[in-house]
Amino acid sequence: MAVSEVEIEKIADSLNMDVKDFIQNYCISGTASRKLKEQENGACIFLKDKRCTIYELRPLQCRTFPFWPENVKSGYRWKQLSVICPGIDKGRVYSFQEIELLVKMQKEYDRKRRKVI
């Protein structure tokens, strides 16, 4: 999961950690842009018992999921994702405008990350 420097600072602060220590313990090294480490099963390192332990500070990429551009491209893609994500089509219903905004936020985030890489 991608994570920005600002997000790293906020999460590290909430964990009472130095940013350098946070990066060493929770981020994948050797990438141009930062990513959070994953558990052996591919889940985010902050996911415990199917719950995000940093939910209020979760990175934008997490906040906008599942409304990523590639996921909302077609009904077929959405259906494929629903097979692997048990939360799809559960919970509150998002308006078209809300989904549009989340997709736009994710596109902008991706665009900025590509400039860094």
PDB file of N, CA and C in Angstrom:
ATOM      1  N   MET A   1       0.846  -1.160   0.000  1.00  0.00           N
ATOM      2  CA  MET A   1       0.000   0.000   0.000  1.00  0.00           C
ATOM      3  C   MET A   1       0.902   1.236   0.000  1.00  0.00           C
ATOM      4  N   ALA A   2       0.668   2.127  -0.929  1.00  0.00           N
ATOM      5  CA  ALA A   2       1.469   3.349  -1.028  1.00  0.00           C
ATOM      6  C   ALA A   2       1.193   4.262   0.160  1.00  0.00           C
ATOM      7  N   VAL A   3       2.228   4.953   0.587  1.00  0.00           N
ATOM      8  CA  VAL A   3       2.106   5.866   1.725  1.00  0.00           C
ATOM      9  C   VAL A   3       3.020   7.070   1.476  1.00  0.00           C
ATOM     10  N   SER A   4       2.481   8.261   1.685  1.00  0.00           N
ATOM     11  CA  SER A   4       3.263   9.480   1.448  1.00  0.00           C
ATOM     12  C   SER A   4       4.114   9.817   2.671  1.00  0.00           C
ATOM     13  N   GLU A   5       5.033  10.739   2.481  1.00  0.00           N
ATOM     14  CA  GLU A   5       5.888  11.167   3.588  1.00  0.00           C
ATOM     15  C   GLU A   5       5.060  11.809   4.701  1.00  0.00           C
ATOM     16  N   VAL A   6       4.058  12.597   4.313  1.00  0.00           N
ATOM     17  CA  VAL A   6       3.192  13.241   5.312  1.00  0.00           C
ATOM     18  C   VAL A   6       2.419  12.181   6.092  1.00  0.00           C
ATOM     19  N   GLU A   7       1.910  11.179   5.389  1.00  0.00           N
ATOM     20  CA  GLU A   7       1.183  10.094   6.059  1.00  0.00           C
ATOM     21  C   GLU A   7       2.105   9.325   6.994  1.00  0.00           C
ATOM     22  N   ILE A   8       3.330   9.096   6.557  1.00  0.00           N
ATOM     23  CA  ILE A   8       4.320   8.415   7.404  1.00  0.00           C
ATOM     24  C   ILE A   8       4.544   9.212   8.687  1.00  0.00           C
ATOM     25  N   GLU A   9       4.722  10.507   8.565  1.00  0.00           N
ATOM     26  CA  GLU A   9       4.958  11.347   9.741  1.00  0.00           C
ATOM     27  C   GLU A   9       3.801  11.269  10.729  1.00  0.00           C
ATOM     28  N   LYS A  10       2.567  11.327  10.215  1.00  0.00           N
ATOM     29  CA  LYS A  10       1.387  11.275  11.087  1.00  0.00           C
ATOM     30  C   LYS A  10       1.260   9.925  11.787  1.00  0.00           C
ATOM     31  N   ILE A  11       1.469   8.852  11.041  1.00  0.00           N
ATOM     32  CA  ILE A  11       1.347   7.510  11.629  1.00  0.00           C
ATOM     33  C   ILE A  11       2.461   7.293  12.648  1.00  0.00           C
ATOM     34  N   ALA A  12       3.684   7.661  12.283  1.00  0.00           N
ATOM     35  CA  ALA A  12       4.816   7.513  13.208  1.00  0.00           C
ATOM     36  C   ALA A  12       4.565   8.283  14.496  1.00  0.00           C
ATOM     37  N   ASP A  13       4.071   9.499  14.368  1.00  0.00           N
ATOM     38  CA  ASP A  13       3.780  10.322  15.542  1.00  0.00           C
ATOM     39  C   ASP A  13       2.738   9.640  16.425  1.00  0.00           C
ATOM     40  N   SER A  14       1.708   9.078  15.812  1.00  0.00           N
ATOM     41  CA  SER A  14       0.655   8.416  16.593  1.00  0.00           C
ATOM     42  C   SER A  14       1.176   7.180  17.316  1.00  0.00           C
ATOM     43  N   LEU A  15       2.232   6.582  16.774  1.00  0.00           N
ATOM     44  CA  LEU A  15       2.847   5.398  17.391  1.00  0.00           C
ATOM     45  C   LEU A  15       4.018   5.773  18.295  1.00  0.00           C
ATOM     46  N   ASN A  16       4.201   7.089  18.468  1.00  0.00           N
ATOM     47  CA  ASN A  16       5.318   7.600  19.274  1.00  0.00           C
ATOM     48  C   ASN A  16       6.660   7.074  18.774  1.00  0.00           C
ATOM     49  N   MET A  17       6.824   7.126  17.457  1.00  0.00           N
ATOM     50  CA  MET A  17       8.045   6.636  16.829  1.00  0.00           C
ATOM     51  C   MET A  17       8.726   7.747  16.056  1.00  0.00           C
ATOM     52  N   ASP A  18      10.012   7.631  15.924  1.00  0.00           N
ATOM     53  CA  ASP A  18      10.790   8.476  15.038  1.00  0.00           C
ATOM     54  C   ASP A  18      10.469   8.037  13.604  1.00  0.00           C
ATOM     55  N   VAL A  19      10.396   8.981  12.675  1.00  0.00           N
ATOM     56  CA  VAL A  19      10.065   8.670  11.283  1.00  0.00           C
ATOM     57  C   VAL A  19      11.040   7.641  10.709  1.00  0.00           C
ATOM     58  N   LYS A  20      12.316   7.813  10.993  1.00  0.00           N
ATOM     59  CA  LYS A  20      13.331   6.877  10.477  1.00  0.00           C
ATOM     60  C   LYS A  20      13.066   5.456  10.982  1.00  0.00           C
ATOM     61  N   ASP A  21      12.726   5.317  12.257  1.00  0.00           N
ATOM     62  CA  ASP A  21      12.423   4.003  12.820  1.00  0.00           C
ATOM     63  C   ASP A  21      11.141   3.429  12.208  1.00  0.00           C
ATOM     64  N   PHE A  22      10.147   4.290  11.995  1.00  0.00           N
ATOM     65  CA  PHE A  22       8.901   3.838  11.382  1.00  0.00           C
ATOM     66  C   PHE A  22       9.180   3.274   9.987  1.00  0.00           C
ATOM     67  N   ILE A  23       9.935   4.022   9.205  1.00  0.00           N
ATOM     68  CA  ILE A  23      10.257   3.575   7.840  1.00  0.00           C
ATOM     69  C   ILE A  23      10.987   2.244   7.876  1.00  0.00           C
ATOM     70  N   GLN A  24      11.927   2.113   8.782  1.00  0.00           N
ATOM     71  CA  GLN A  24      12.699   0.875   8.892  1.00  0.00           C
ATOM     72  C   GLN A  24      11.812  -0.303   9.285  1.00  0.00           C
ATOM     73  N   ASN A  25      10.857  -0.073  10.191  1.00  0.00           N
ATOM     74  CA  ASN A  25      10.032  -1.163  10.704  1.00  0.00           C
ATOM     75  C   ASN A  25       8.776  -1.454   9.891  1.00  0.00           C
ATOM     76  N   TYR A  26       8.229  -0.447   9.238  1.00  0.00           N
ATOM     77  CA  TYR A  26       6.915  -0.610   8.620  1.00  0.00           C
ATOM     78  C   TYR A  26       6.870  -0.363   7.115  1.00  0.00           C
ATOM     79  N   CYS A  27       7.961   0.076   6.517  1.00  0.00           N
ATOM     80  CA  CYS A  27       7.954   0.361   5.085  1.00  0.00           C
ATOM     81  C   CYS A  27       8.893  -0.570   4.326  1.00  0.00           C
ATOM     82  N   ILE A  28       8.557  -0.790   3.081  1.00  0.00           N
ATOM     83  CA  ILE A  28       9.401  -1.596   2.204  1.00  0.00           C
ATOM     84  C   ILE A  28      10.563  -0.709   1.770  1.00  0.00           C
ATOM     85  N   SER A  29      11.762  -1.238   1.901  1.00  0.00           N
ATOM     86  CA  SER A  29      12.932  -0.461   1.504  1.00  0.00           C
ATOM     87  C   SER A  29      13.257  -0.730   0.038  1.00  0.00           C
ATOM     88  N   GLY A  30      13.962   0.221  -0.548  1.00  0.00           N
ATOM     89  CA  GLY A  30      14.422   0.038  -1.915  1.00  0.00           C
ATOM     90  C   GLY A  30      13.427   0.440  -2.984  1.00  0.00           C
ATOM     91  N   THR A  31      12.330   1.077  -2.606  1.00  0.00           N
ATOM     92  CA  THR A  31      11.377   1.542  -3.606  1.00  0.00           C
ATOM     93  C   THR A  31      11.478   3.058  -3.718  1.00  0.00           C
ATOM     94  N   ALA A  32      11.224   3.582  -4.921  1.00  0.00           N
ATOM     95  CA  ALA A  32      11.297   5.028  -5.130  1.00  0.00           C
ATOM     96  C   ALA A  32      10.231   5.738  -4.317  1.00  0.00           C
ATOM     97  N   SER A  33       9.043   5.170  -4.276  1.00  0.00           N
ATOM     98  CA  SER A  33       7.990   5.714  -3.421  1.00  0.00           C
ATOM     99  C   SER A  33       7.780   4.733  -2.283  1.00  0.00           C
ATOM    100  N   ARG A  34       7.374   5.215  -1.166  1.00  0.00           N
ATOM    101  CA  ARG A  34       7.217   4.365   0.018  1.00  0.00           C
ATOM    102  C   ARG A  34       5.975   3.490  -0.078  1.00  0.00           C
ATOM    103  N   LYS A  35       6.110   2.303   0.440  1.00  0.00           N
ATOM    104  CA  LYS A  35       4.986   1.377   0.552  1.00  0.00           C
ATOM    105  C   LYS A  35       5.050   0.722   1.922  1.00  0.00           C
ATOM    106  N   LEU A  36       3.871   0.462   2.474  1.00  0.00           N
ATOM    107  CA  LEU A  36       3.822  -0.238   3.754  1.00  0.00           C
ATOM    108  C   LEU A  36       4.127  -1.713   3.536  1.00  0.00           C
ATOM    109  N   LYS A  37       4.778  -2.308   4.496  1.00  0.00           N
ATOM    110  CA  LYS A  37       5.058  -3.737   4.429  1.00  0.00           C
ATOM    111  C   LYS A  37       3.748  -4.512   4.459  1.00  0.00           C
ATOM    112  N   GLU A  38       3.826  -5.737   3.988  1.00  0.00           N
ATOM    113  CA  GLU A  38       2.673  -6.624   3.999  1.00  0.00           C
ATOM    114  C   GLU A  38       2.956  -7.821   4.881  1.00  0.00           C
ATOM    115  N   GLN A  39       1.888  -8.418   5.364  1.00  0.00           N
ATOM    116  CA  GLN A  39       2.000  -9.671   6.100  1.00  0.00           C
ATOM    117  C   GLN A  39       2.225 -10.790   5.089  1.00  0.00           C
ATOM    118  N   GLU A  40       2.523 -11.984   5.558  1.00  0.00           N
ATOM    119  CA  GLU A  40       2.771 -13.113   4.669  1.00  0.00           C
ATOM    120  C   GLU A  40       1.605 -13.381   3.731  1.00  0.00           C
ATOM    121  N   ASN A  41       0.374 -13.108   4.180  1.00  0.00           N
ATOM    122  CA  ASN A  41      -0.808 -13.364   3.354  1.00  0.00           C
ATOM    123  C   ASN A  41      -1.112 -12.214   2.393  1.00  0.00           C
ATOM    124  N   GLY A  42      -0.266 -11.187   2.376  1.00  0.00           N
ATOM    125  CA  GLY A  42      -0.443 -10.057   1.480  1.00  0.00           C
ATOM    126  C   GLY A  42      -1.221  -8.900   2.080  1.00  0.00           C
ATOM    127  N   ALA A  43      -1.759  -9.084   3.265  1.00  0.00           N
ATOM    128  CA  ALA A  43      -2.519  -8.020   3.934  1.00  0.00           C
ATOM    129  C   ALA A  43      -1.564  -6.956   4.464  1.00  0.00           C
ATOM    130  N   CYS A  44      -2.081  -5.772   4.622  1.00  0.00           N
ATOM    131  CA  CYS A  44      -1.294  -4.661   5.179  1.00  0.00           C
ATOM    132  C   CYS A  44      -0.785  -5.025   6.573  1.00  0.00           C
ATOM    133  N   ILE A  45       0.384  -4.539   6.901  1.00  0.00           N
ATOM    134  CA  ILE A  45       1.003  -4.801   8.203  1.00  0.00           C
ATOM    135  C   ILE A  45       0.154  -4.255   9.356  1.00  0.00           C
ATOM    136  N   PHE A  46      -0.703  -3.292   9.069  1.00  0.00           N
ATOM    137  CA  PHE A  46      -1.544  -2.710  10.121  1.00  0.00           C
ATOM    138  C   PHE A  46      -2.931  -3.351  10.207  1.00  0.00           C
ATOM    139  N   LEU A  47      -3.167  -4.405   9.463  1.00  0.00           N
ATOM    140  CA  LEU A  47      -4.449  -5.099   9.536  1.00  0.00           C
ATOM    141  C   LEU A  47      -4.346  -6.239  10.546  1.00  0.00           C
ATOM    142  N   LYS A  48      -5.137  -6.155  11.590  1.00  0.00           N
ATOM    143  CA  LYS A  48      -5.156  -7.177  12.644  1.00  0.00           C
ATOM    144  C   LYS A  48      -6.604  -7.583  12.891  1.00  0.00           C
ATOM    145  N   ASP A  49      -6.875  -8.880  12.888  1.00  0.00           N
ATOM    146  CA  ASP A  49      -8.229  -9.393  13.106  1.00  0.00           C
ATOM    147  C   ASP A  49      -9.240  -8.703  12.190  1.00  0.00           C
ATOM    148  N   LYS A  50      -8.866  -8.549  10.911  1.00  0.00           N
ATOM    149  CA  LYS A  50      -9.719  -7.943   9.881  1.00  0.00           C
ATOM    150  C   LYS A  50     -10.063  -6.484  10.158  1.00  0.00           C
ATOM    151  N   ARG A  51      -9.262  -5.824  10.979  1.00  0.00           N
ATOM    152  CA  ARG A  51      -9.476  -4.408  11.308  1.00  0.00           C
ATOM    153  C   ARG A  51      -8.167  -3.636  11.119  1.00  0.00           C
ATOM    154  N   CYS A  52      -8.313  -2.413  10.624  1.00  0.00           N
ATOM    155  CA  CYS A  52      -7.151  -1.536  10.469  1.00  0.00           C
ATOM    156  C   CYS A  52      -6.826  -0.914  11.820  1.00  0.00           C
ATOM    157  N   THR A  53      -5.598  -1.096  12.260  1.00  0.00           N
ATOM    158  CA  THR A  53      -5.198  -0.574  13.570  1.00  0.00           C
ATOM    159  C   THR A  53      -4.820   0.903  13.526  1.00  0.00           C
ATOM    160  N   ILE A  54      -4.747   1.465  12.319  1.00  0.00           N
ATOM    161  CA  ILE A  54      -4.465   2.903  12.176  1.00  0.00           C
ATOM    162  C   ILE A  54      -5.579   3.560  11.361  1.00  0.00           C
ATOM    163  N   TYR A  55      -6.784   3.067  11.500  1.00  0.00           N
ATOM    164  CA  TYR A  55      -7.907   3.463  10.652  1.00  0.00           C
ATOM    165  C   TYR A  55      -8.047   4.969  10.477  1.00  0.00           C
ATOM    166  N   GLU A  56      -7.986   5.733  11.542  1.00  0.00           N
ATOM    167  CA  GLU A  56      -8.160   7.181  11.445  1.00  0.00           C
ATOM    168  C   GLU A  56      -7.009   7.857  10.692  1.00  0.00           C
ATOM    169  N   LEU A  57      -5.869   7.193  10.608  1.00  0.00           N
ATOM    170  CA  LEU A  57      -4.698   7.751   9.929  1.00  0.00           C
ATOM    171  C   LEU A  57      -4.319   6.980   8.671  1.00  0.00           C
ATOM    172  N   ARG A  58      -5.180   6.087   8.238  1.00  0.00           N
ATOM    173  CA  ARG A  58      -4.837   5.248   7.090  1.00  0.00           C
ATOM    174  C   ARG A  58      -4.522   6.099   5.868  1.00  0.00           C
ATOM    175  N   PRO A  59      -3.578   5.642   5.045  1.00  0.00           N
ATOM    176  CA  PRO A  59      -3.166   6.395   3.861  1.00  0.00           C
ATOM    177  C   PRO A  59      -4.325   6.605   2.876  1.00  0.00           C
ATOM    178  N   LEU A  60      -4.176   7.610   2.035  1.00  0.00           N
ATOM    179  CA  LEU A  60      -5.208   7.936   1.049  1.00  0.00           C
ATOM    180  C   LEU A  60      -5.546   6.729   0.185  1.00  0.00           C
ATOM    181  N   GLN A  61      -4.561   5.957  -0.185  1.00  0.00           N
ATOM    182  CA  GLN A  61      -4.830   4.792  -1.023  1.00  0.00           C
ATOM    183  C   GLN A  61      -5.811   3.849  -0.331  1.00  0.00           C
ATOM    184  N   CYS A  62      -5.721   3.742   0.973  1.00  0.00           N
ATOM    185  CA  CYS A  62      -6.670   2.919   1.732  1.00  0.00           C
ATOM    186  C   CYS A  62      -8.025   3.605   1.841  1.00  0.00           C
ATOM    187  N   ARG A  63      -7.996   4.917   2.046  1.00  0.00           N
ATOM    188  CA  ARG A  63      -9.242   5.679   2.194  1.00  0.00           C
ATOM    189  C   ARG A  63     -10.101   5.625   0.933  1.00  0.00           C
ATOM    190  N   THR A  64      -9.472   5.572  -0.219  1.00  0.00           N
ATOM    191  CA  THR A  64     -10.221   5.593  -1.468  1.00  0.00           C
ATOM    192  C   THR A  64     -10.611   4.204  -1.965  1.00  0.00           C
ATOM    193  N   PHE A  65     -10.062   3.157  -1.372  1.00  0.00           N
ATOM    194  CA  PHE A  65     -10.401   1.800  -1.799  1.00  0.00           C
ATOM    195  C   PHE A  65     -11.828   1.479  -1.399  1.00  0.00           C
ATOM    196  N   PRO A  66     -12.602   0.832  -2.220  1.00  0.00           N
ATOM    197  CA  PRO A  66     -12.299   0.171  -3.488  1.00  0.00           C
ATOM    198  C   PRO A  66     -12.534   1.046  -4.709  1.00  0.00           C
ATOM    199  N   PHE A  67     -12.738   2.349  -4.494  1.00  0.00           N
ATOM    200  CA  PHE A  67     -13.100   3.234  -5.602  1.00  0.00           C
ATOM    201  C   PHE A  67     -11.876   3.757  -6.345  1.00  0.00           C
ATOM    202  N   TRP A  68     -11.011   2.838  -6.752  1.00  0.00           N
ATOM    203  CA  TRP A  68      -9.842   3.183  -7.550  1.00  0.00           C
ATOM    204  C   TRP A  68     -10.262   3.168  -9.007  1.00  0.00           C
ATOM    205  N   PRO A  69      -9.624   3.980  -9.834  1.00  0.00           N
ATOM    206  CA  PRO A  69     -10.012   4.053 -11.245  1.00  0.00           C
ATOM    207  C   PRO A  69     -10.126   2.693 -11.933  1.00  0.00           C
ATOM    208  N   GLU A  70      -9.166   1.823 -11.703  1.00  0.00           N
ATOM    209  CA  GLU A  70      -9.199   0.513 -12.368  1.00  0.00           C
ATOM    210  C   GLU A  70     -10.335  -0.377 -11.862  1.00  0.00           C
ATOM    211  N   ASN A  71     -10.806  -0.140 -10.642  1.00  0.00           N
ATOM    212  CA  ASN A  71     -11.885  -0.960 -10.080  1.00  0.00           C
ATOM    213  C   ASN A  71     -13.264  -0.523 -10.532  1.00  0.00           C
ATOM    214  N   VAL A  72     -13.426   0.757 -10.836  1.00  0.00           N
ATOM    215  CA  VAL A  72     -14.745   1.266 -11.232  1.00  0.00           C
ATOM    216  C   VAL A  72     -14.859   1.439 -12.752  1.00  0.00           C
ATOM    217  N   LYS A  73     -13.850   0.967 -13.450  1.00  0.00           N
ATOM    218  CA  LYS A  73     -13.822   1.094 -14.911  1.00  0.00           C
ATOM    219  C   LYS A  73     -15.010   0.395 -15.568  1.00  0.00           C
ATOM    220  N   SER A  74     -15.432  -0.715 -14.988  1.00  0.00           N
ATOM    221  CA  SER A  74     -16.551  -1.457 -15.574  1.00  0.00           C
ATOM    222  C   SER A  74     -17.222  -2.310 -14.499  1.00  0.00           C
ATOM    223  N   GLY A  75     -18.437  -2.715 -14.794  1.00  0.00           N
ATOM    224  CA  GLY A  75     -19.153  -3.605 -13.887  1.00  0.00           C
ATOM    225  C   GLY A  75     -18.432  -4.929 -13.733  1.00  0.00           C
ATOM    226  N   TYR A  76     -17.796  -5.375 -14.820  1.00  0.00           N
ATOM    227  CA  TYR A  76     -17.056  -6.634 -14.785  1.00  0.00           C
ATOM    228  C   TYR A  76     -15.901  -6.551 -13.791  1.00  0.00           C
ATOM    229  N   ARG A  77     -15.139  -5.451 -13.831  1.00  0.00           N
ATOM    230  CA  ARG A  77     -14.017  -5.278 -12.897  1.00  0.00           C
ATOM    231  C   ARG A  77     -14.515  -5.238 -11.454  1.00  0.00           C
ATOM    232  N   TRP A  78     -15.624  -4.538 -11.235  1.00  0.00           N
ATOM    233  CA  TRP A  78     -16.191  -4.436  -9.887  1.00  0.00           C
ATOM    234  C   TRP A  78     -16.585  -5.820  -9.391  1.00  0.00           C
ATOM    235  N   LYS A  79     -17.189  -6.619 -10.260  1.00  0.00           N
ATOM    236  CA  LYS A  79     -17.616  -7.979  -9.898  1.00  0.00           C
ATOM    237  C   LYS A  79     -16.393  -8.840  -9.567  1.00  0.00           C
ATOM    238  N   GLN A  80     -15.333  -8.716 -10.364  1.00  0.00           N
ATOM    239  CA  GLN A  80     -14.097  -9.466 -10.086  1.00  0.00           C
ATOM    240  C   GLN A  80     -13.551  -9.113  -8.704  1.00  0.00           C
ATOM    241  N   LEU A  81     -13.525  -7.839  -8.392  1.00  0.00           N
ATOM    242  CA  LEU A  81     -13.007  -7.384  -7.109  1.00  0.00           C
ATOM    243  C   LEU A  81     -13.869  -7.890  -5.963  1.00  0.00           C
ATOM    244  N   SER A  82     -15.173  -7.933  -6.170  1.00  0.00           N
ATOM    245  CA  SER A  82     -16.083  -8.374  -5.101  1.00  0.00           C
ATOM    246  C   SER A  82     -15.837  -9.829  -4.699  1.00  0.00           C
ATOM    247  N   VAL A  83     -15.243 -10.606  -5.586  1.00  0.00           N
ATOM    248  CA  VAL A  83     -14.937 -12.006  -5.277  1.00  0.00           C
ATOM    249  C   VAL A  83     -13.828 -12.099  -4.234  1.00  0.00           C
ATOM    250  N   ILE A  84     -12.860 -11.177  -4.295  1.00  0.00           N
ATOM    251  CA  ILE A  84     -11.722 -11.246  -3.370  1.00  0.00           C
ATOM    252  C   ILE A  84     -11.836 -10.280  -2.192  1.00  0.00           C
ATOM    253  N   CYS A  85     -12.758  -9.321  -2.270  1.00  0.00           N
ATOM    254  CA  CYS A  85     -12.921  -8.347  -1.183  1.00  0.00           C
ATOM    255  C   CYS A  85     -14.292  -8.523  -0.548  1.00  0.00           C
ATOM    256  N   PRO A  86     -14.336  -9.078   0.663  1.00  0.00           N
ATOM    257  CA  PRO A  86     -15.629  -9.363   1.298  1.00  0.00           C
ATOM    258  C   PRO A  86     -16.434  -8.118   1.669  1.00  0.00           C
ATOM    259  N   GLY A  87     -15.830  -6.935   1.650  1.00  0.00           N
ATOM    260  CA  GLY A  87     -16.538  -5.724   2.019  1.00  0.00           C
ATOM    261  C   GLY A  87     -17.287  -5.059   0.871  1.00  0.00           C
ATOM    262  N   ILE A  88     -17.011  -5.496  -0.357  1.00  0.00           N
ATOM    263  CA  ILE A  88     -17.661  -4.895  -1.523  1.00  0.00           C
ATOM    264  C   ILE A  88     -19.171  -5.120  -1.438  1.00  0.00           C
ATOM    265  N   ASP A  89     -19.909  -4.062  -1.721  1.00  0.00           N
ATOM    266  CA  ASP A  89     -21.377  -4.071  -1.712  1.00  0.00           C
ATOM    267  C   ASP A  89     -21.961  -4.318  -0.323  1.00  0.00           C
ATOM    268  N   LYS A  90     -21.181  -4.036   0.706  1.00  0.00           N
ATOM    269  CA  LYS A  90     -21.646  -4.103   2.094  1.00  0.00           C
ATOM    270  C   LYS A  90     -21.517  -2.689   2.669  1.00  0.00           C
ATOM    271  N   GLY A  91     -22.216  -2.403   3.720  1.00  0.00           N
ATOM    272  CA  GLY A  91     -22.082  -1.096   4.353  1.00  0.00           C
ATOM    273  C   GLY A  91     -22.899  -0.031   3.644  1.00  0.00           C
ATOM    274  N   ARG A  92     -22.514   1.206   3.865  1.00  0.00           N
ATOM    275  CA  ARG A  92     -23.304   2.310   3.329  1.00  0.00           C
ATOM    276  C   ARG A  92     -23.144   2.426   1.818  1.00  0.00           C
ATOM    277  N   VAL A  93     -24.141   2.982   1.182  1.00  0.00           N
ATOM    278  CA  VAL A  93     -24.122   3.201  -0.255  1.00  0.00           C
ATOM    279  C   VAL A  93     -23.528   4.581  -0.517  1.00  0.00           C
ATOM    280  N   TYR A  94     -22.563   4.644  -1.405  1.00  0.00           N
ATOM    281  CA  TYR A  94     -21.930   5.901  -1.775  1.00  0.00           C
ATOM    282  C   TYR A  94     -22.651   6.484  -2.987  1.00  0.00           C
ATOM    283  N   SER A  95     -22.803   7.796  -2.994  1.00  0.00           N
ATOM    284  CA  SER A  95     -23.424   8.459  -4.142  1.00  0.00           C
ATOM    285  C   SER A  95     -22.436   8.476  -5.298  1.00  0.00           C
ATOM    286  N   PHE A  96     -22.957   8.709  -6.482  1.00  0.00           N
ATOM    287  CA  PHE A  96     -22.108   8.813  -7.656  1.00  0.00           C
ATOM    288  C   PHE A  96     -21.073   9.924  -7.474  1.00  0.00           C
ATOM    289  N   GLN A  97     -21.500  11.049  -6.892  1.00  0.00           N
ATOM    290  CA  GLN A  97     -20.597  12.180  -6.682  1.00  0.00           C
ATOM    291  C   GLN A  97     -19.475  11.821  -5.699  1.00  0.00           C
ATOM    292  N   GLU A  98     -19.803  11.073  -4.663  1.00  0.00           N
ATOM    293  CA  GLU A  98     -18.777  10.656  -3.702  1.00  0.00           C
ATOM    294  C   GLU A  98     -17.762   9.731  -4.372  1.00  0.00           C
ATOM    295  N   ILE A  99     -18.248   8.798  -5.154  1.00  0.00           N
ATOM    296  CA  ILE A  99     -17.354   7.866  -5.858  1.00  0.00           C
ATOM    297  C   ILE A  99     -16.489   8.628  -6.848  1.00  0.00           C
ATOM    298  N   GLU A 100     -17.086   9.544  -7.570  1.00  0.00           N
ATOM    299  CA  GLU A 100     -16.349  10.369  -8.524  1.00  0.00           C
ATOM    300  C   GLU A 100     -15.212  11.127  -7.829  1.00  0.00           C
ATOM    301  N   LEU A 101     -15.498  11.693  -6.657  1.00  0.00           N
ATOM    302  CA  LEU A 101     -14.492  12.429  -5.894  1.00  0.00           C
ATOM    303  C   LEU A 101     -13.365  11.499  -5.432  1.00  0.00           C
ATOM    304  N   LEU A 102     -13.706  10.315  -4.935  1.00  0.00           N
ATOM    305  CA  LEU A 102     -12.684   9.369  -4.480  1.00  0.00           C
ATOM    306  C   LEU A 102     -11.801   8.914  -5.639  1.00  0.00           C
ATOM    307  N   VAL A 103     -12.399   8.667  -6.798  1.00  0.00           N
ATOM    308  CA  VAL A 103     -11.622   8.275  -7.984  1.00  0.00           C
ATOM    309  C   VAL A 103     -10.682   9.412  -8.376  1.00  0.00           C
ATOM    310  N   LYS A 104     -11.195  10.630  -8.357  1.00  0.00           N
ATOM    311  CA  LYS A 104     -10.378  11.795  -8.701  1.00  0.00           C
ATOM    312  C   LYS A 104      -9.209  11.944  -7.723  1.00  0.00           C
ATOM    313  N   MET A 105      -9.467  11.766  -6.439  1.00  0.00           N
ATOM    314  CA  MET A 105      -8.407  11.859  -5.429  1.00  0.00           C
ATOM    315  C   MET A 105      -7.328  10.812  -5.681  1.00  0.00           C
ATOM    316  N   GLN A 106      -7.736   9.592  -6.000  1.00  0.00           N
ATOM    317  CA  GLN A 106      -6.767   8.524  -6.236  1.00  0.00           C
ATOM    318  C   GLN A 106      -5.965   8.786  -7.507  1.00  0.00           C
ATOM    319  N   LYS A 107      -6.607   9.286  -8.546  1.00  0.00           N
ATOM    320  CA  LYS A 107      -5.888   9.609  -9.787  1.00  0.00           C
ATOM    321  C   LYS A 107      -4.837  10.682  -9.539  1.00  0.00           C
ATOM    322  N   GLU A 108      -5.206  11.708  -8.783  1.00  0.00           N
ATOM    323  CA  GLU A 108      -4.272  12.786  -8.474  1.00  0.00           C
ATOM    324  C   GLU A 108      -3.093  12.263  -7.645  1.00  0.00           C
ATOM    325  N   TYR A 109      -3.388  11.410  -6.683  1.00  0.00           N
ATOM    326  CA  TYR A 109      -2.347  10.812  -5.850  1.00  0.00           C
ATOM    327  C   TYR A 109      -1.394   9.982  -6.719  1.00  0.00           C
ATOM    328  N   ASP A 110      -1.961   9.169  -7.615  1.00  0.00           N
ATOM    329  CA  ASP A 110      -1.139   8.345  -8.510  1.00  0.00           C
ATOM    330  C   ASP A 110      -0.278   9.213  -9.429  1.00  0.00           C
ATOM    331  N   ARG A 111      -0.864  10.300  -9.939  1.00  0.00           N
ATOM    332  CA  ARG A 111      -0.138  11.190 -10.817  1.00  0.00           C
ATOM    333  C   ARG A 111       1.065  11.808 -10.095  1.00  0.00           C
ATOM    334  N   LYS A 112       0.869  12.230  -8.872  1.00  0.00           N
ATOM    335  CA  LYS A 112       1.960  12.816  -8.084  1.00  0.00           C
ATOM    336  C   LYS A 112       3.041  11.784  -7.795  1.00  0.00           C
ATOM    337  N   ARG A 113       2.634  10.564  -7.492  1.00  0.00           N
ATOM    338  CA  ARG A 113       3.606   9.500  -7.202  1.00  0.00           C
ATOM    339  C   ARG A 113       4.446   9.185  -8.436  1.00  0.00           C
ATOM    340  N   ARG A 114       3.835   9.190  -9.623  1.00  0.00           N
ATOM    341  CA  ARG A 114       4.580   8.904 -10.853  1.00  0.00           C
ATOM    342  C   ARG A 114       5.658   9.951 -11.097  1.00  0.00           C
ATOM    343  N   LYS A 115       5.409  11.192 -10.708  1.00  0.00           N
ATOM    344  CA  LYS A 115       6.405  12.242 -10.864  1.00  0.00           C
ATOM    345  C   LYS A 115       7.619  11.983  -9.990  1.00  0.00           C
ATOM    346  N   VAL A 116       7.405  11.361  -8.835  1.00  0.00           N
ATOM    347  CA  VAL A 116       8.480  11.091  -7.886  1.00  0.00           C
ATOM    348  C   VAL A 116       9.328   9.923  -8.351  1.00  0.00           C
ATOM    349  N   ILE A 117       8.686   8.923  -8.923  1.00  0.00           N
ATOM    350  CA  ILE A 117       9.388   7.689  -9.315  1.00  0.00           C
ATOM    351  C   ILE A 117      10.306   7.910 -10.492  1.00  0.00           C
TER     352      ILE A 117
END
